[in-house]
């Protein structure tokens, strides 16, 4: 009799089945069968993300998500730093322009004073 495992993770493409009538010695590749059995037994229900927890695939996906989050955080930090640098540049430019306008007004007043 064959027992179908319906709680297998969603990422499996084929239906996994184990035969109870066949002896364990009939399995030709013991390593593969042990890995598949351990994978099925260790699989837990999907988390909030829809991925199985505790499997190699989930760990790889979590590591990739973490790496992607680090990259996004670095890009966001660089963007904030560039915005802060632009604000500082604009502030200094406005201060320079104000000083330039004041010096021109002072020069005009000096010219008017010389004319009087």
PDB file of N, CA and C in Angstrom:
ATOM      1  N   UNK A   1       0.844  -1.181   0.000  1.00  0.00           N
ATOM      2  CA  UNK A   1       0.000   0.000   0.000  1.00  0.00           C
ATOM      3  C   UNK A   1       0.886   1.240   0.000  1.00  0.00           C
ATOM      4  N   UNK A   2       0.482   2.204  -0.745  1.00  0.00           N
ATOM      5  CA  UNK A   2       1.260   3.436  -0.874  1.00  0.00           C
ATOM      6  C   UNK A   2       0.599   4.547  -0.074  1.00  0.00           C
ATOM      7  N   UNK A   3       1.421   5.227   0.709  1.00  0.00           N
ATOM      8  CA  UNK A   3       0.920   6.344   1.510  1.00  0.00           C
ATOM      9  C   UNK A   3       1.363   7.640   0.833  1.00  0.00           C
ATOM     10  N   UNK A   4       0.409   8.486   0.506  1.00  0.00           N
ATOM     11  CA  UNK A   4       0.731   9.756  -0.128  1.00  0.00           C
ATOM     12  C   UNK A   4       0.921  10.816   0.940  1.00  0.00           C
ATOM     13  N   UNK A   5       1.942  11.595   0.772  1.00  0.00           N
ATOM     14  CA  UNK A   5       2.238  12.659   1.721  1.00  0.00           C
ATOM     15  C   UNK A   5       1.711  13.957   1.122  1.00  0.00           C
ATOM     16  N   UNK A   6       0.599  14.459   1.675  1.00  0.00           N
ATOM     17  CA  UNK A   6      -0.021  15.662   1.132  1.00  0.00           C
ATOM     18  C   UNK A   6       0.489  16.934   1.795  1.00  0.00           C
ATOM     19  N   UNK A   7       1.216  16.797   2.892  1.00  0.00           N
ATOM     20  CA  UNK A   7       1.713  17.988   3.575  1.00  0.00           C
ATOM     21  C   UNK A   7       3.114  18.371   3.096  1.00  0.00           C
ATOM     22  N   UNK A   8       3.524  17.864   1.941  1.00  0.00           N
ATOM     23  CA  UNK A   8       4.830  18.220   1.386  1.00  0.00           C
ATOM     24  C   UNK A   8       4.842  19.709   1.029  1.00  0.00           C
ATOM     25  N   UNK A   9       5.995  20.335   1.100  1.00  0.00           N
ATOM     26  CA  UNK A   9       6.079  21.768   0.779  1.00  0.00           C
ATOM     27  C   UNK A   9       5.612  22.073  -0.638  1.00  0.00           C
ATOM     28  N   UNK A  10       5.154  23.306  -0.838  1.00  0.00           N
ATOM     29  CA  UNK A  10       4.597  23.705  -2.128  1.00  0.00           C
ATOM     30  C   UNK A  10       5.634  23.700  -3.240  1.00  0.00           C
ATOM     31  N   UNK A  11       6.909  23.882  -2.892  1.00  0.00           N
ATOM     32  CA  UNK A  11       7.924  23.990  -3.927  1.00  0.00           C
ATOM     33  C   UNK A  11       8.254  22.665  -4.565  1.00  0.00           C
ATOM     34  N   UNK A  12       7.744  21.568  -4.019  1.00  0.00           N
ATOM     35  CA  UNK A  12       7.955  20.268  -4.665  1.00  0.00           C
ATOM     36  C   UNK A  12       7.029  20.171  -5.864  1.00  0.00           C
ATOM     37  N   UNK A  13       7.569  19.744  -6.979  1.00  0.00           N
ATOM     38  CA  UNK A  13       6.768  19.693  -8.201  1.00  0.00           C
ATOM     39  C   UNK A  13       6.064  18.359  -8.371  1.00  0.00           C
ATOM     40  N   UNK A  14       6.584  17.320  -7.781  1.00  0.00           N
ATOM     41  CA  UNK A  14       5.943  16.012  -7.952  1.00  0.00           C
ATOM     42  C   UNK A  14       5.367  15.542  -6.629  1.00  0.00           C
ATOM     43  N   UNK A  15       4.401  14.660  -6.724  1.00  0.00           N
ATOM     44  CA  UNK A  15       3.775  14.099  -5.532  1.00  0.00           C
ATOM     45  C   UNK A  15       4.721  13.073  -4.922  1.00  0.00           C
ATOM     46  N   UNK A  16       5.007  13.202  -3.659  1.00  0.00           N
ATOM     47  CA  UNK A  16       5.947  12.313  -2.994  1.00  0.00           C
ATOM     48  C   UNK A  16       5.166  11.165  -2.379  1.00  0.00           C
ATOM     49  N   UNK A  17       5.635   9.954  -2.619  1.00  0.00           N
ATOM     50  CA  UNK A  17       4.956   8.801  -2.023  1.00  0.00           C
ATOM     51  C   UNK A  17       5.994   7.847  -1.465  1.00  0.00           C
ATOM     52  N   UNK A  18       5.596   7.116  -0.435  1.00  0.00           N
ATOM     53  CA  UNK A  18       6.453   6.097   0.157  1.00  0.00           C
ATOM     54  C   UNK A  18       5.672   4.796   0.209  1.00  0.00           C
ATOM     55  N   UNK A  19       6.315   3.754  -0.171  1.00  0.00           N
ATOM     56  CA  UNK A  19       5.649   2.459  -0.178  1.00  0.00           C
ATOM     57  C   UNK A  19       5.939   1.748   1.133  1.00  0.00           C
ATOM     58  N   UNK A  20       4.887   1.256   1.781  1.00  0.00           N
ATOM     59  CA  UNK A  20       5.057   0.536   3.039  1.00  0.00           C
ATOM     60  C   UNK A  20       5.249  -0.952   2.806  1.00  0.00           C
ATOM     61  N   UNK A  21       4.873  -1.443   1.618  1.00  0.00           N
ATOM     62  CA  UNK A  21       4.963  -2.876   1.368  1.00  0.00           C
ATOM     63  C   UNK A  21       6.371  -3.293   0.949  1.00  0.00           C
ATOM     64  N   UNK A  22       7.165  -2.379   0.389  1.00  0.00           N
ATOM     65  CA  UNK A  22       8.507  -2.730  -0.050  1.00  0.00           C
ATOM     66  C   UNK A  22       9.469  -2.665   1.126  1.00  0.00           C
ATOM     67  N   UNK A  23      10.349  -3.652   1.243  1.00  0.00           N
ATOM     68  CA  UNK A  23      11.346  -3.598   2.314  1.00  0.00           C
ATOM     69  C   UNK A  23      12.389  -2.519   2.022  1.00  0.00           C
ATOM     70  N   UNK A  24      13.070  -2.091   3.046  1.00  0.00           N
ATOM     71  CA  UNK A  24      14.057  -1.029   2.904  1.00  0.00           C
ATOM     72  C   UNK A  24      15.230  -1.469   2.036  1.00  0.00           C
ATOM     73  N   UNK A  25      15.510  -2.782   1.976  1.00  0.00           N
ATOM     74  CA  UNK A  25      16.633  -3.272   1.178  1.00  0.00           C
ATOM     75  C   UNK A  25      16.367  -3.136  -0.317  1.00  0.00           C
ATOM     76  N   UNK A  26      15.116  -3.001  -0.711  1.00  0.00           N
ATOM     77  CA  UNK A  26      14.773  -2.900  -2.126  1.00  0.00           C
ATOM     78  C   UNK A  26      15.118  -1.531  -2.703  1.00  0.00           C
ATOM     79  N   UNK A  27      15.373  -0.569  -1.858  1.00  0.00           N
ATOM     80  CA  UNK A  27      15.726   0.766  -2.327  1.00  0.00           C
ATOM     81  C   UNK A  27      17.145   0.715  -2.879  1.00  0.00           C
ATOM     82  N   UNK A  28      17.324   1.175  -4.112  1.00  0.00           N
ATOM     83  CA  UNK A  28      18.644   1.073  -4.743  1.00  0.00           C
ATOM     84  C   UNK A  28      19.592   2.164  -4.263  1.00  0.00           C
ATOM     85  N   UNK A  29      19.087   3.353  -4.030  1.00  0.00           N
ATOM     86  CA  UNK A  29      19.947   4.452  -3.606  1.00  0.00           C
ATOM     87  C   UNK A  29      19.540   4.853  -2.195  1.00  0.00           C
ATOM     88  N   UNK A  30      20.260   4.318  -1.210  1.00  0.00           N
ATOM     89  CA  UNK A  30      19.897   4.561   0.187  1.00  0.00           C
ATOM     90  C   UNK A  30      20.101   6.021   0.580  1.00  0.00           C
ATOM     91  N   UNK A  31      21.147   6.641   0.069  1.00  0.00           N
ATOM     92  CA  UNK A  31      21.444   8.024   0.451  1.00  0.00           C
ATOM     93  C   UNK A  31      20.325   8.947  -0.005  1.00  0.00           C
ATOM     94  N   UNK A  32      19.882   8.788  -1.252  1.00  0.00           N
ATOM     95  CA  UNK A  32      18.819   9.639  -1.770  1.00  0.00           C
ATOM     96  C   UNK A  32      17.531   9.433  -0.995  1.00  0.00           C
ATOM     97  N   UNK A  33      17.200   8.171  -0.704  1.00  0.00           N
ATOM     98  CA  UNK A  33      15.953   7.916   0.016  1.00  0.00           C
ATOM     99  C   UNK A  33      16.016   8.481   1.424  1.00  0.00           C
ATOM    100  N   UNK A  34      17.188   8.384   2.071  1.00  0.00           N
ATOM    101  CA  UNK A  34      17.316   8.943   3.420  1.00  0.00           C
ATOM    102  C   UNK A  34      17.189  10.461   3.388  1.00  0.00           C
ATOM    103  N   UNK A  35      17.794  11.082   2.392  1.00  0.00           N
ATOM    104  CA  UNK A  35      17.706  12.536   2.286  1.00  0.00           C
ATOM    105  C   UNK A  35      16.271  12.960   2.031  1.00  0.00           C
ATOM    106  N   UNK A  36      15.577  12.253   1.131  1.00  0.00           N
ATOM    107  CA  UNK A  36      14.187  12.602   0.840  1.00  0.00           C
ATOM    108  C   UNK A  36      13.305  12.400   2.068  1.00  0.00           C
ATOM    109  N   UNK A  37      13.520  11.280   2.792  1.00  0.00           N
ATOM    110  CA  UNK A  37      12.721  11.033   3.994  1.00  0.00           C
ATOM    111  C   UNK A  37      12.990  12.096   5.051  1.00  0.00           C
ATOM    112  N   UNK A  38      14.248  12.446   5.247  1.00  0.00           N
ATOM    113  CA  UNK A  38      14.582  13.473   6.237  1.00  0.00           C
ATOM    114  C   UNK A  38      14.009  14.817   5.821  1.00  0.00           C
ATOM    115  N   UNK A  39      14.040  15.089   4.524  1.00  0.00           N
ATOM    116  CA  UNK A  39      13.504  16.351   4.019  1.00  0.00           C
ATOM    117  C   UNK A  39      12.007  16.435   4.268  1.00  0.00           C
ATOM    118  N   UNK A  40      11.311  15.323   4.057  1.00  0.00           N
ATOM    119  CA  UNK A  40       9.863  15.299   4.276  1.00  0.00           C
ATOM    120  C   UNK A  40       9.547  15.428   5.764  1.00  0.00           C
ATOM    121  N   UNK A  41      10.301  14.711   6.600  1.00  0.00           N
ATOM    122  CA  UNK A  41      10.020  14.736   8.033  1.00  0.00           C
ATOM    123  C   UNK A  41      10.361  16.087   8.656  1.00  0.00           C
ATOM    124  N   UNK A  42      11.401  16.741   8.151  1.00  0.00           N
ATOM    125  CA  UNK A  42      11.807  18.027   8.713  1.00  0.00           C
ATOM    126  C   UNK A  42      11.005  19.198   8.172  1.00  0.00           C
ATOM    127  N   UNK A  43      10.248  18.955   7.134  1.00  0.00           N
ATOM    128  CA  UNK A  43       9.472  20.050   6.550  1.00  0.00           C
ATOM    129  C   UNK A  43       8.381  20.466   7.522  1.00  0.00           C
ATOM    130  N   UNK A  44       8.269  21.731   7.726  1.00  0.00           N
ATOM    131  CA  UNK A  44       7.247  22.255   8.622  1.00  0.00           C
ATOM    132  C   UNK A  44       6.222  23.014   7.792  1.00  0.00           C
ATOM    133  N   UNK A  45       5.101  23.368   8.389  1.00  0.00           N
ATOM    134  CA  UNK A  45       4.094  24.097   7.620  1.00  0.00           C
ATOM    135  C   UNK A  45       4.637  25.438   7.144  1.00  0.00           C
ATOM    136  N   UNK A  46       4.116  25.951   6.049  1.00  0.00           N
ATOM    137  CA  UNK A  46       4.631  27.213   5.518  1.00  0.00           C
ATOM    138  C   UNK A  46       4.508  28.348   6.528  1.00  0.00           C
ATOM    139  N   UNK A  47       5.509  29.193   6.534  1.00  0.00           N
ATOM    140  CA  UNK A  47       5.496  30.357   7.429  1.00  0.00           C
ATOM    141  C   UNK A  47       4.646  31.448   6.804  1.00  0.00           C
ATOM    142  N   UNK A  48       4.712  32.626   7.381  1.00  0.00           N
ATOM    143  CA  UNK A  48       3.926  33.749   6.871  1.00  0.00           C
ATOM    144  C   UNK A  48       4.354  34.117   5.454  1.00  0.00           C
ATOM    145  N   UNK A  49       5.589  33.780   5.098  1.00  0.00           N
ATOM    146  CA  UNK A  49       6.076  34.091   3.755  1.00  0.00           C
ATOM    147  C   UNK A  49       5.659  33.046   2.737  1.00  0.00           C
ATOM    148  N   UNK A  50       5.097  31.918   3.178  1.00  0.00           N
ATOM    149  CA  UNK A  50       4.702  30.865   2.262  1.00  0.00           C
ATOM    150  C   UNK A  50       5.812  29.881   1.982  1.00  0.00           C
ATOM    151  N   UNK A  51       6.950  30.019   2.650  1.00  0.00           N
ATOM    152  CA  UNK A  51       8.070  29.115   2.437  1.00  0.00           C
ATOM    153  C   UNK A  51       8.174  28.127   3.584  1.00  0.00           C
ATOM    154  N   UNK A  52       8.633  26.915   3.307  1.00  0.00           N
ATOM    155  CA  UNK A  52       8.834  25.964   4.397  1.00  0.00           C
ATOM    156  C   UNK A  52      10.007  26.385   5.270  1.00  0.00           C
ATOM    157  N   UNK A  53       9.909  26.101   6.554  1.00  0.00           N
ATOM    158  CA  UNK A  53      10.963  26.464   7.498  1.00  0.00           C
ATOM    159  C   UNK A  53      11.785  25.219   7.800  1.00  0.00           C
ATOM    160  N   UNK A  54      13.081  25.363   7.917  1.00  0.00           N
ATOM    161  CA  UNK A  54      13.928  24.257   8.318  1.00  0.00           C
ATOM    162  C   UNK A  54      14.464  23.435   7.171  1.00  0.00           C
ATOM    163  N   UNK A  55      14.214  23.800   5.960  1.00  0.00           N
ATOM    164  CA  UNK A  55      14.757  23.060   4.829  1.00  0.00           C
ATOM    165  C   UNK A  55      15.907  23.841   4.223  1.00  0.00           C
ATOM    166  N   UNK A  56      16.713  23.158   3.442  1.00  0.00           N
ATOM    167  CA  UNK A  56      17.853  23.822   2.811  1.00  0.00           C
ATOM    168  C   UNK A  56      17.381  24.913   1.864  1.00  0.00           C
ATOM    169  N   UNK A  57      16.300  24.637   1.152  1.00  0.00           N
ATOM    170  CA  UNK A  57      15.776  25.626   0.204  1.00  0.00           C
ATOM    171  C   UNK A  57      15.362  26.898   0.945  1.00  0.00           C
ATOM    172  N   UNK A  58      14.690  26.737   2.071  1.00  0.00           N
ATOM    173  CA  UNK A  58      14.245  27.902   2.839  1.00  0.00           C
ATOM    174  C   UNK A  58      15.442  28.678   3.376  1.00  0.00           C
ATOM    175  N   UNK A  59      16.471  27.959   3.806  1.00  0.00           N
ATOM    176  CA  UNK A  59      17.665  28.633   4.315  1.00  0.00           C
ATOM    177  C   UNK A  59      18.357  29.412   3.208  1.00  0.00           C
ATOM    178  N   UNK A  60      18.418  28.825   2.015  1.00  0.00           N
ATOM    179  CA  UNK A  60      19.024  29.533   0.885  1.00  0.00           C
ATOM    180  C   UNK A  60      18.208  30.767   0.529  1.00  0.00           C
ATOM    181  N   UNK A  61      16.882  30.623   0.531  1.00  0.00           N
ATOM    182  CA  UNK A  61      16.026  31.764   0.213  1.00  0.00           C
ATOM    183  C   UNK A  61      16.147  32.849   1.276  1.00  0.00           C
ATOM    184  N   UNK A  62      16.227  32.441   2.544  1.00  0.00           N
ATOM    185  CA  UNK A  62      16.369  33.419   3.626  1.00  0.00           C
ATOM    186  C   UNK A  62      17.706  34.147   3.515  1.00  0.00           C
ATOM    187  N   UNK A  63      18.763  33.418   3.169  1.00  0.00           N
ATOM    188  CA  UNK A  63      20.071  34.057   3.000  1.00  0.00           C
ATOM    189  C   UNK A  63      20.042  35.034   1.829  1.00  0.00           C
ATOM    190  N   UNK A  64      19.382  34.642   0.754  1.00  0.00           N
ATOM    191  CA  UNK A  64      19.272  35.540  -0.405  1.00  0.00           C
ATOM    192  C   UNK A  64      18.453  36.775  -0.049  1.00  0.00           C
ATOM    193  N   UNK A  65      17.357  36.576   0.712  1.00  0.00           N
ATOM    194  CA  UNK A  65      16.547  37.715   1.158  1.00  0.00           C
ATOM    195  C   UNK A  65      17.365  38.646   2.044  1.00  0.00           C
ATOM    196  N   UNK A  66      18.167  38.066   2.942  1.00  0.00           N
ATOM    197  CA  UNK A  66      18.998  38.874   3.834  1.00  0.00           C
ATOM    198  C   UNK A  66      20.031  39.665   3.034  1.00  0.00           C
ATOM    199  N   UNK A  67      20.671  38.997   2.076  1.00  0.00           N
ATOM    200  CA  UNK A  67      21.656  39.686   1.239  1.00  0.00           C
ATOM    201  C   UNK A  67      21.005  40.812   0.448  1.00  0.00           C
ATOM    202  N   UNK A  68      19.813  40.554  -0.084  1.00  0.00           N
ATOM    203  CA  UNK A  68      19.097  41.580  -0.847  1.00  0.00           C
ATOM    204  C   UNK A  68      18.723  42.753   0.059  1.00  0.00           C
ATOM    205  N   UNK A  69      18.304  42.455   1.294  1.00  0.00           N
ATOM    206  CA  UNK A  69      17.943  43.515   2.239  1.00  0.00           C
ATOM    207  C   UNK A  69      19.162  44.367   2.595  1.00  0.00           C
ATOM    208  N   UNK A  70      20.322  43.727   2.721  1.00  0.00           N
ATOM    209  CA  UNK A  70      21.547  44.472   3.022  1.00  0.00           C
ATOM    210  C   UNK A  70      21.891  45.404   1.866  1.00  0.00           C
ATOM    211  N   UNK A  71      21.769  44.900   0.640  1.00  0.00           N
ATOM    212  CA  UNK A  71      22.065  45.721  -0.541  1.00  0.00           C
ATOM    213  C   UNK A  71      21.115  46.906  -0.619  1.00  0.00           C
ATOM    214  N   UNK A  72      19.822  46.652  -0.386  1.00  0.00           N
ATOM    215  CA  UNK A  72      18.827  47.732  -0.437  1.00  0.00           C
ATOM    216  C   UNK A  72      19.099  48.759   0.651  1.00  0.00           C
ATOM    217  N   UNK A  73      19.460  48.296   1.849  1.00  0.00           N
ATOM    218  CA  UNK A  73      19.758  49.221   2.946  1.00  0.00           C
ATOM    219  C   UNK A  73      20.977  50.085   2.619  1.00  0.00           C
ATOM    220  N   UNK A  74      21.999  49.478   2.000  1.00  0.00           N
ATOM    221  CA  UNK A  74      23.182  50.257   1.623  1.00  0.00           C
ATOM    222  C   UNK A  74      22.838  51.298   0.562  1.00  0.00           C
ATOM    223  N   UNK A  75      22.011  50.922  -0.413  1.00  0.00           N
ATOM    224  CA  UNK A  75      21.607  51.879  -1.445  1.00  0.00           C
ATOM    225  C   UNK A  75      20.794  53.016  -0.841  1.00  0.00           C
ATOM    226  N   UNK A  76      19.900  52.686   0.089  1.00  0.00           N
ATOM    227  CA  UNK A  76      19.086  53.705   0.743  1.00  0.00           C
ATOM    228  C   UNK A  76      19.956  54.645   1.570  1.00  0.00           C
ATOM    229  N   UNK A  77      20.942  54.083   2.269  1.00  0.00           N
ATOM    230  CA  UNK A  77      21.854  54.907   3.063  1.00  0.00           C
ATOM    231  C   UNK A  77      22.650  55.848   2.158  1.00  0.00           C
ATOM    232  N   UNK A  78      23.129  55.324   1.025  1.00  0.00           N
ATOM    233  CA  UNK A  78      23.880  56.158   0.077  1.00  0.00           C
ATOM    234  C   UNK A  78      22.997  57.262  -0.485  1.00  0.00           C
ATOM    235  N   UNK A  79      21.730  56.947  -0.744  1.00  0.00           N
ATOM    236  CA  UNK A  79      20.806  57.962  -1.264  1.00  0.00           C
ATOM    237  C   UNK A  79      20.584  59.058  -0.230  1.00  0.00           C
ATOM    238  N   UNK A  80      20.395  58.679   1.040  1.00  0.00           N
ATOM    239  CA  UNK A  80      20.204  59.678   2.099  1.00  0.00           C
ATOM    240  C   UNK A  80      21.453  60.547   2.258  1.00  0.00           C
ATOM    241  N   UNK A  81      22.627  59.923   2.167  1.00  0.00           N
ATOM    242  CA  UNK A  81      23.866  60.694   2.286  1.00  0.00           C
ATOM    243  C   UNK A  81      24.016  61.672   1.126  1.00  0.00           C
ATOM    244  N   UNK A  82      23.643  61.242  -0.083  1.00  0.00           N
ATOM    245  CA  UNK A  82      23.760  62.148  -1.230  1.00  0.00           C
ATOM    246  C   UNK A  82      22.753  63.286  -1.123  1.00  0.00           C
ATOM    247  N   UNK A  83      21.563  63.014  -0.596  1.00  0.00           N
ATOM    248  CA  UNK A  83      20.566  64.077  -0.393  1.00  0.00           C
ATOM    249  C   UNK A  83      21.072  65.073   0.646  1.00  0.00           C
ATOM    250  N   UNK A  84      21.664  64.562   1.732  1.00  0.00           N
ATOM    251  CA  UNK A  84      22.213  65.453   2.758  1.00  0.00           C
ATOM    252  C   UNK A  84      23.348  66.303   2.180  1.00  0.00           C
ATOM    253  N   UNK A  85      24.183  65.709   1.330  1.00  0.00           N
ATOM    254  CA  UNK A  85      25.272  66.468   0.705  1.00  0.00           C
ATOM    255  C   UNK A  85      24.718  67.547  -0.220  1.00  0.00           C
ATOM    256  N   UNK A  86      23.653  67.242  -0.959  1.00  0.00           N
ATOM    257  CA  UNK A  86      23.031  68.248  -1.830  1.00  0.00           C
ATOM    258  C   UNK A  86      22.438  69.397  -1.026  1.00  0.00           C
ATOM    259  N   UNK A  87      21.810  69.077   0.120  1.00  0.00           N
ATOM    260  CA  UNK A  87      21.265  70.135   0.983  1.00  0.00           C
ATOM    261  C   UNK A  87      22.383  71.042   1.491  1.00  0.00           C
ATOM    262  N   UNK A  88      23.485  70.446   1.902  1.00  0.00           N
ATOM    263  CA  UNK A  88      24.619  71.235   2.393  1.00  0.00           C
ATOM    264  C   UNK A  88      25.192  72.108   1.273  1.00  0.00           C
ATOM    265  N   UNK A  89      25.311  71.531   0.079  1.00  0.00           N
ATOM    266  CA  UNK A  89      25.815  72.299  -1.070  1.00  0.00           C
ATOM    267  C   UNK A  89      24.893  73.480  -1.375  1.00  0.00           C
ATOM    268  N   UNK A  90      23.582  73.241  -1.369  1.00  0.00           N
ATOM    269  CA  UNK A  90      22.620  74.316  -1.635  1.00  0.00           C
ATOM    270  C   UNK A  90      22.680  75.397  -0.564  1.00  0.00           C
ATOM    271  N   UNK A  91      22.864  74.986   0.692  1.00  0.00           N
ATOM    272  CA  UNK A  91      22.968  75.960   1.781  1.00  0.00           C
ATOM    273  C   UNK A  91      24.199  76.838   1.603  1.00  0.00           C
ATOM    274  N   UNK A  92      25.326  76.210   1.295  1.00  0.00           N
ATOM    275  CA  UNK A  92      26.562  76.973   1.088  1.00  0.00           C
ATOM    276  C   UNK A  92      26.465  77.882  -0.135  1.00  0.00           C
ATOM    277  N   UNK A  93      25.826  77.391  -1.190  1.00  0.00           N
ATOM    278  CA  UNK A  93      25.650  78.207  -2.393  1.00  0.00           C
ATOM    279  C   UNK A  93      24.758  79.411  -2.110  1.00  0.00           C
ATOM    280  N   UNK A  94      23.693  79.207  -1.332  1.00  0.00           N
ATOM    281  CA  UNK A  94      22.812  80.323  -0.973  1.00  0.00           C
ATOM    282  C   UNK A  94      23.562  81.338  -0.116  1.00  0.00           C
ATOM    283  N   UNK A  95      24.374  80.861   0.806  1.00  0.00           N
ATOM    284  CA  UNK A  95      25.162  81.764   1.647  1.00  0.00           C
ATOM    285  C   UNK A  95      26.163  82.553   0.797  1.00  0.00           C
ATOM    286  N   UNK A  96      26.802  81.889  -0.152  1.00  0.00           N
ATOM    287  CA  UNK A  96      27.742  82.567  -1.055  1.00  0.00           C
ATOM    288  C   UNK A  96      27.026  83.635  -1.880  1.00  0.00           C
ATOM    289  N   UNK A  97      25.851  83.269  -2.432  1.00  0.00           N
ATOM    290  CA  UNK A  97      25.095  84.236  -3.240  1.00  0.00           C
ATOM    291  C   UNK A  97      24.661  85.440  -2.404  1.00  0.00           C
ATOM    292  N   UNK A  98      24.249  85.185  -1.173  1.00  0.00           N
ATOM    293  CA  UNK A  98      23.842  86.284  -0.295  1.00  0.00           C
ATOM    294  C   UNK A  98      25.031  87.205  -0.011  1.00  0.00           C
ATOM    295  N   UNK A  99      26.183  86.609   0.252  1.00  0.00           N
ATOM    296  CA  UNK A  99      27.389  87.423   0.479  1.00  0.00           C
ATOM    297  C   UNK A  99      27.757  88.220  -0.768  1.00  0.00           C
ATOM    298  N   UNK A 100      27.613  87.609  -1.930  1.00  0.00           N
ATOM    299  CA  UNK A 100      27.926  88.298  -3.189  1.00  0.00           C
ATOM    300  C   UNK A 100      26.988  89.484  -3.402  1.00  0.00           C
ATOM    301  N   UNK A 101      25.681  89.278  -3.144  1.00  0.00           N
ATOM    302  CA  UNK A 101      24.705  90.367  -3.298  1.00  0.00           C
ATOM    303  C   UNK A 101      25.003  91.485  -2.312  1.00  0.00           C
ATOM    304  N   UNK A 102      25.321  91.132  -1.069  1.00  0.00           N
ATOM    305  CA  UNK A 102      25.643  92.151  -0.069  1.00  0.00           C
ATOM    306  C   UNK A 102      26.895  92.933  -0.452  1.00  0.00           C
ATOM    307  N   UNK A 103      27.891  92.248  -0.993  1.00  0.00           N
ATOM    308  CA  UNK A 103      29.110  92.967  -1.399  1.00  0.00           C
ATOM    309  C   UNK A 103      28.828  93.897  -2.578  1.00  0.00           C
ATOM    310  N   UNK A 104      27.942  93.500  -3.500  1.00  0.00           N
ATOM    311  CA  UNK A 104      27.563  94.387  -4.610  1.00  0.00           C
ATOM    312  C   UNK A 104      26.806  95.604  -4.098  1.00  0.00           C
ATOM    313  N   UNK A 105      25.903  95.408  -3.139  1.00  0.00           N
ATOM    314  CA  UNK A 105      25.166  96.541  -2.558  1.00  0.00           C
ATOM    315  C   UNK A 105      26.124  97.488  -1.849  1.00  0.00           C
ATOM    316  N   UNK A 106      27.073  96.915  -1.132  1.00  0.00           N
ATOM    317  CA  UNK A 106      28.059  97.739  -0.435  1.00  0.00           C
ATOM    318  C   UNK A 106      28.892  98.544  -1.437  1.00  0.00           C
ATOM    319  N   UNK A 107      29.251  97.911  -2.545  1.00  0.00           N
ATOM    320  CA  UNK A 107      30.011  98.626  -3.581  1.00  0.00           C
ATOM    321  C   UNK A 107      29.168  99.754  -4.174  1.00  0.00           C
ATOM    322  N   UNK A 108      27.861  99.507  -4.391  1.00  0.00           N
ATOM    323  CA  UNK A 108      26.975 100.565  -4.900  1.00  0.00           C
ATOM    324  C   UNK A 108      26.879 101.714  -3.904  1.00  0.00           C
ATOM    325  N   UNK A 109      26.762 101.391  -2.613  1.00  0.00           N
ATOM    326  CA  UNK A 109      26.692 102.438  -1.595  1.00  0.00           C
ATOM    327  C   UNK A 109      27.997 103.239  -1.552  1.00  0.00           C
ATOM    328  N   UNK A 110      29.113 102.558  -1.711  1.00  0.00           N
ATOM    329  CA  UNK A 110      30.400 103.267  -1.746  1.00  0.00           C
ATOM    330  C   UNK A 110      30.466 104.213  -2.945  1.00  0.00           C
ATOM    331  N   UNK A 111      29.973 103.736  -4.096  1.00  0.00           N
ATOM    332  CA  UNK A 111      29.955 104.602  -5.290  1.00  0.00           C
ATOM    333  C   UNK A 111      29.058 105.818  -5.065  1.00  0.00           C
ATOM    334  N   UNK A 112      27.892 105.583  -4.433  1.00  0.00           N
ATOM    335  CA  UNK A 112      26.982 106.699  -4.141  1.00  0.00           C
ATOM    336  C   UNK A 112      27.624 107.673  -3.153  1.00  0.00           C
ATOM    337  N   UNK A 113      28.332 107.135  -2.167  1.00  0.00           N
ATOM    338  CA  UNK A 113      28.993 107.989  -1.180  1.00  0.00           C
ATOM    339  C   UNK A 113      30.108 108.798  -1.844  1.00  0.00           C
ATOM    340  N   UNK A 114      30.825 108.211  -2.760  1.00  0.00           N
ATOM    341  CA  UNK A 114      31.884 108.933  -3.479  1.00  0.00           C
ATOM    342  C   UNK A 114      31.289 110.039  -4.354  1.00  0.00           C
ATOM    343  N   UNK A 115      30.101 109.773  -4.924  1.00  0.00           N
ATOM    344  CA  UNK A 115      29.451 110.769  -5.784  1.00  0.00           C
ATOM    345  C   UNK A 115      28.952 111.950  -4.968  1.00  0.00           C
ATOM    346  N   UNK A 116      28.550 111.733  -3.755  1.00  0.00           N
ATOM    347  CA  UNK A 116      28.036 112.809  -2.902  1.00  0.00           C
ATOM    348  C   UNK A 116      29.228 113.558  -2.381  1.00  0.00           C
TER     349      UNK A 116
END
